[in-house]
Protein backbone atom coordinates (compact mmCIF):
# COMPACT_ATOMS: atom_id res chain seq x y z
CA ARG A 1 0.16 -7.44 35.30
CA ALA A 2 -0.26 -3.73 34.61
CA ARG A 3 0.50 -4.27 30.94
CA SER A 4 -1.89 -7.22 30.68
CA GLY A 5 -4.61 -5.24 32.40
CA PHE A 6 -4.11 -2.35 30.00
CA ARG A 7 -4.38 -4.64 26.98
CA ILE A 8 -7.51 -6.34 28.29
CA THR A 9 -9.16 -2.99 28.98
CA PHE A 10 -8.10 -1.72 25.57
CA VAL A 11 -9.58 -4.72 23.73
CA ALA A 12 -12.74 -4.61 25.84
CA THR A 13 -13.21 -0.93 24.97
CA TRP A 14 -12.98 -1.69 21.27
CA VAL A 15 -15.42 -4.59 21.58
CA VAL A 16 -17.92 -2.41 23.43
CA LEU A 17 -17.66 0.42 20.90
CA VAL A 18 -18.08 -1.92 17.93
CA GLY A 19 -20.95 -3.68 19.70
CA ILE A 20 -22.71 -0.38 20.35
CA LEU A 21 -22.27 0.71 16.74
CA VAL A 22 -23.46 -2.53 15.15
CA GLY A 23 -26.10 -3.21 17.80
CA SER A 24 -27.69 0.20 17.40
CA LEU A 25 -28.03 -0.32 13.65
CA VAL A 26 -29.46 -3.82 14.07
CA LEU A 27 -31.94 -2.77 16.76
CA ALA A 28 -33.05 0.15 14.61
CA ASN A 29 -33.75 -2.32 11.77
CA LYS A 30 -31.24 -0.53 9.55
CA ILE A 31 -29.25 -3.68 8.81
CA ASP A 32 -30.66 -6.83 7.27
CA THR A 33 -28.49 -9.58 8.72
CA THR A 34 -30.13 -12.19 6.49
CA PHE A 35 -29.13 -10.22 3.41
CA ILE A 36 -25.55 -9.94 4.65
CA GLY A 37 -25.38 -13.68 5.30
CA LEU A 38 -26.69 -14.37 1.81
CA TRP A 39 -24.28 -12.13 -0.10
CA ALA A 40 -21.24 -12.09 2.19
CA PRO A 41 -19.52 -15.05 0.43
CA PHE A 42 -19.75 -13.31 -2.94
CA ILE A 43 -18.46 -10.00 -1.59
CA LEU A 44 -15.66 -11.63 0.41
CA GLY A 45 -14.64 -13.45 -2.75
CA GLY A 46 -13.05 -10.18 -3.83
CA VAL A 47 -10.63 -10.16 -0.89
CA PRO A 48 -8.00 -12.37 -2.62
CA ILE A 49 -7.99 -10.02 -5.61
CA THR A 50 -7.58 -7.03 -3.30
CA ILE A 51 -4.61 -8.69 -1.58
CA VAL A 52 -2.99 -9.78 -4.86
CA VAL A 53 -3.37 -6.29 -6.34
CA SER A 54 -1.86 -4.72 -3.23
CA ILE A 55 1.10 -7.10 -2.97
CA ALA A 56 1.92 -6.95 -6.69
CA SER A 57 1.61 -3.17 -6.77
CA ILE A 58 3.82 -2.56 -3.74
CA ALA A 59 6.43 -5.01 -5.06
CA ILE A 60 6.68 -3.20 -8.39
CA ALA A 61 6.57 0.16 -6.60
CA VAL A 62 9.62 -0.85 -4.54
CA VAL A 63 11.56 -1.52 -7.75
CA LEU A 64 10.48 1.80 -9.26
CA ALA A 65 11.29 3.61 -6.02
CA THR A 66 14.77 2.07 -5.89
CA LEU A 67 15.52 3.16 -9.44
CA GLY A 68 13.91 6.54 -8.86
CA SER A 69 15.88 7.23 -5.67
CA LEU A 70 19.17 6.30 -7.35
CA GLY A 71 18.21 8.59 -10.21
CA ARG A 72 17.42 11.42 -7.81
CA LEU A 73 20.87 10.99 -6.29
CA SER A 74 22.67 10.62 -9.61
CA ARG A 75 25.27 13.15 -10.71
CA SER A 76 24.07 12.72 -14.30
CA ALA A 77 21.81 15.60 -15.28
CA VAL A 78 19.85 13.40 -17.70
CA VAL A 79 19.23 10.62 -15.17
CA TYR A 80 18.38 13.15 -12.47
CA GLY A 81 16.03 14.93 -14.85
CA ILE A 82 14.17 11.72 -15.76
CA ALA A 83 13.75 10.71 -12.12
CA SER A 84 12.64 14.19 -11.07
CA PHE A 85 10.17 14.39 -13.96
CA TYR A 86 8.64 11.05 -12.93
CA VAL A 87 8.23 12.11 -9.30
CA SER A 88 6.84 15.52 -10.19
CA LEU A 89 4.39 14.13 -12.75
CA VAL A 90 2.95 11.50 -10.42
CA ARG A 91 2.82 13.67 -7.31
CA GLY A 92 1.21 16.48 -9.30
CA THR A 93 -1.75 14.44 -10.58
CA PRO A 94 -4.46 12.54 -8.65
CA LEU A 95 -4.27 8.76 -8.44
CA ILE A 96 -7.78 8.40 -9.83
CA VAL A 97 -6.76 10.38 -12.93
CA GLN A 98 -3.77 8.09 -13.42
CA LEU A 99 -6.00 5.01 -13.14
CA LEU A 100 -8.42 6.38 -15.70
CA PHE A 101 -5.49 7.30 -17.97
CA PHE A 102 -4.23 3.71 -17.91
CA TYR A 103 -7.76 2.42 -18.50
CA LEU A 104 -9.14 4.88 -21.06
CA ALA A 105 -6.32 6.90 -22.59
CA LEU A 106 -3.55 4.37 -23.19
CA PRO A 107 -5.71 2.17 -25.48
CA GLN A 108 -6.09 5.21 -27.74
CA ILE A 109 -2.31 5.44 -28.03
CA TRP A 110 -1.82 1.72 -28.76
CA ASP A 111 -4.55 -0.85 -29.36
CA GLY A 112 -2.53 -3.48 -27.52
CA PHE A 113 -3.33 -1.85 -24.19
CA ALA A 114 -6.99 -2.74 -24.70
CA LYS A 115 -6.05 -6.44 -24.62
CA ILE A 116 -4.24 -6.21 -21.28
CA PRO A 117 -6.30 -7.64 -18.37
CA LEU A 118 -7.85 -4.90 -16.28
CA VAL A 119 -6.27 -6.19 -13.08
CA ILE A 120 -2.83 -5.77 -14.68
CA LEU A 121 -3.65 -2.18 -15.64
CA GLY A 122 -4.81 -1.51 -12.10
CA ILE A 123 -1.60 -2.94 -10.65
CA ALA A 124 0.50 -0.92 -13.08
CA ALA A 125 -1.29 2.33 -12.22
CA LEU A 126 -1.00 1.80 -8.47
CA ALA A 127 2.66 0.81 -8.73
CA PHE A 128 3.38 3.80 -10.97
CA ASN A 129 1.83 6.13 -8.39
CA TYR A 130 3.31 4.62 -5.24
CA GLY A 131 6.73 4.25 -6.83
CA ALA A 132 7.03 8.03 -7.09
CA TYR A 133 6.03 8.67 -3.48
CA MET A 134 8.30 5.93 -2.21
CA THR A 135 11.17 7.34 -4.29
CA GLU A 136 11.48 10.19 -1.81
CA ILE A 137 11.34 7.74 1.10
CA PHE A 138 14.11 5.63 -0.39
CA ARG A 139 16.19 8.72 -1.20
CA ALA A 140 15.90 9.93 2.39
CA GLY A 141 16.89 6.48 3.67
CA ILE A 142 20.00 6.41 1.50
CA GLN A 143 21.00 9.92 2.52
CA ALA A 144 20.60 8.97 6.19
CA ILE A 145 23.68 6.74 6.00
CA PRO A 146 26.61 8.53 7.68
CA ARG A 147 29.08 9.95 5.21
CA GLY A 148 31.93 8.45 7.20
CA GLN A 149 30.87 4.91 6.32
CA ILE A 150 30.90 5.76 2.64
CA GLU A 151 34.36 7.31 2.88
CA ALA A 152 35.58 4.27 4.81
CA ALA A 153 34.31 1.99 2.04
CA TYR A 154 36.17 4.05 -0.56
CA ALA A 155 39.28 3.92 1.58
CA LEU A 156 39.07 0.12 1.54
CA GLY A 157 39.12 0.20 -2.24
CA MET A 158 35.42 -0.38 -2.90
CA THR A 159 33.97 1.09 -6.05
CA GLU A 160 30.94 3.36 -5.93
CA ARG A 161 28.69 0.54 -7.12
CA THR A 162 30.06 -1.94 -4.58
CA THR A 163 29.69 0.63 -1.80
CA MET A 164 26.09 1.20 -2.74
CA ARG A 165 25.35 -2.54 -2.88
CA ARG A 166 27.24 -3.71 0.22
CA VAL A 167 27.25 -0.70 2.56
CA ILE A 168 24.54 1.83 1.75
CA LEU A 169 21.54 -0.20 0.53
CA PRO A 170 21.57 -2.85 3.32
CA GLN A 171 21.44 -0.13 5.97
CA ALA A 172 18.96 1.99 4.04
CA VAL A 173 16.58 -0.97 3.81
CA ARG A 174 16.51 -1.22 7.60
CA ILE A 175 15.70 2.48 7.86
CA ILE A 176 12.89 2.53 5.31
CA THR A 177 11.27 -0.80 6.23
CA PRO A 178 8.70 0.81 8.61
CA ALA A 179 7.83 3.36 5.93
CA ILE A 180 7.31 0.57 3.39
CA GLY A 181 4.93 -1.06 5.87
CA ASN A 182 2.94 2.16 6.10
CA GLU A 183 2.78 2.41 2.32
CA PHE A 184 1.54 -1.17 2.07
CA ILE A 185 -1.23 -0.46 4.56
CA ALA A 186 -2.20 2.58 2.50
CA MET A 187 -2.04 0.44 -0.63
CA ILE A 188 -4.62 -1.97 0.81
CA LYS A 189 -7.07 0.92 1.07
CA ASP A 190 -6.18 2.60 -2.21
CA SER A 191 -6.56 -0.71 -4.04
CA ALA A 192 -10.30 -0.06 -3.78
CA LEU A 193 -9.87 2.57 -6.49
CA VAL A 194 -9.30 -0.11 -9.12
CA SER A 195 -13.03 -0.79 -8.82
CA ILE A 196 -13.60 2.25 -11.05
CA ILE A 197 -11.97 0.38 -13.92
CA THR A 198 -14.25 -2.61 -13.18
CA VAL A 199 -11.68 -4.84 -11.48
CA GLN A 200 -13.85 -7.25 -9.49
CA GLU A 201 -12.22 -6.79 -6.12
CA LEU A 202 -13.87 -6.28 -2.73
CA LEU A 203 -15.38 -2.81 -3.22
CA TRP A 204 -16.59 -3.54 -6.76
CA ARG A 205 -18.51 -6.58 -5.56
CA ALA A 206 -19.93 -4.70 -2.57
CA GLN A 207 -21.12 -1.84 -4.78
CA ARG A 208 -22.65 -4.15 -7.37
CA VAL A 209 -24.62 -6.20 -4.87
CA GLY A 210 -25.69 -3.13 -2.91
CA GLN A 211 -26.88 -1.18 -5.92
CA GLN A 212 -28.73 -4.10 -7.47
CA ASN A 213 -30.59 -4.85 -4.24
CA PHE A 214 -30.82 -1.29 -2.88
CA ARG A 215 -28.94 -2.38 0.25
CA THR A 216 -25.72 -0.38 -0.02
CA LEU A 217 -25.59 0.19 3.75
CA GLU A 218 -25.02 -3.49 4.45
CA THR A 219 -22.59 -4.13 1.60
CA LEU A 220 -20.47 -1.04 2.19
CA LEU A 221 -20.35 -1.72 5.93
CA LEU A 222 -19.11 -5.23 5.19
CA ALA A 223 -16.49 -3.93 2.76
CA ALA A 224 -15.35 -1.27 5.24
CA ALA A 225 -15.10 -3.88 8.01
CA VAL A 226 -12.89 -6.09 5.83
CA TYR A 227 -10.57 -3.22 4.88
CA TRP A 228 -10.39 -2.24 8.54
CA ALA A 229 -9.57 -5.79 9.60
CA LEU A 230 -6.83 -6.07 6.97
CA THR A 231 -5.22 -2.80 8.07
CA ILE A 232 -5.34 -3.87 11.73
CA ILE A 233 -3.64 -7.18 10.93
CA LEU A 234 -0.97 -5.48 8.84
CA SER A 235 -0.43 -2.84 11.53
CA LEU A 236 0.19 -5.58 14.10
CA PHE A 237 2.74 -7.24 11.81
CA GLN A 238 4.42 -3.90 11.20
CA GLU A 239 4.59 -3.20 14.93
CA ARG A 240 6.26 -6.55 15.58
CA LEU A 241 8.70 -5.95 12.72
CA GLU A 242 9.64 -2.52 14.06
CA LYS A 243 10.25 -4.01 17.52
CA ARG A 244 12.43 -6.72 16.00
CA LEU A 245 14.47 -4.16 14.08
CA ALA A 246 14.81 -2.02 17.20
CA GLU A 247 16.05 -5.02 19.21
CA SER A 248 18.61 -5.87 16.53
CA ASP A 249 19.82 -2.27 16.54
CA VAL A 250 20.37 -2.48 20.30
CA ARG A 251 22.35 -5.71 19.89
CA LEU A 252 24.49 -4.05 17.27
């Protein structure tokens, strides 16, 4: 009962705060609800693109992060140097610069880049950026595996590759799963940056409608509300996943 009462009070507090915020704007005639109702379907039509960009980017970023983390742990100076260069380059430059580089600079290097759909360029830039940051997360997850388990695998006759595939990586995935969830939530928000290369996702549509009709307050509020709702939903899924992983750890 105490827990249920806390949750009800918590939800009621949020509802009241949101109601006060929106109600004050409506009563002050700062928001045109008719305008929102008219253009909301068009703006919300960008949500699927936002979700697709985020999912595709994080999926590619996971692959890059896996390769990058293995490179950062490699005993080969060349492989380690390539992985370190990638991480340093990405972490040392802003994401918006990387997006503009994919959009404006790469076509000057090779004309074929100009024929690539803009949404693909946006996905590539986001994945390229997040892959570097997640490389360090993956590396930390791999290094968190107790050394004794690795030595035990070698004692059983497993090769280094087999040990990595059957002992280290399965456990590392469990460790880094919450961090991947956090990165995906951040990706949902950062996906708005692809609007600067004219990908017609949620923010691009909100900006276009708002600027054309001089009603940016309504359109940006709607876009912000959608991003907020998406992050809340993903946060709830992540919380349930973390609880499930914690329960499985207890059983083990």
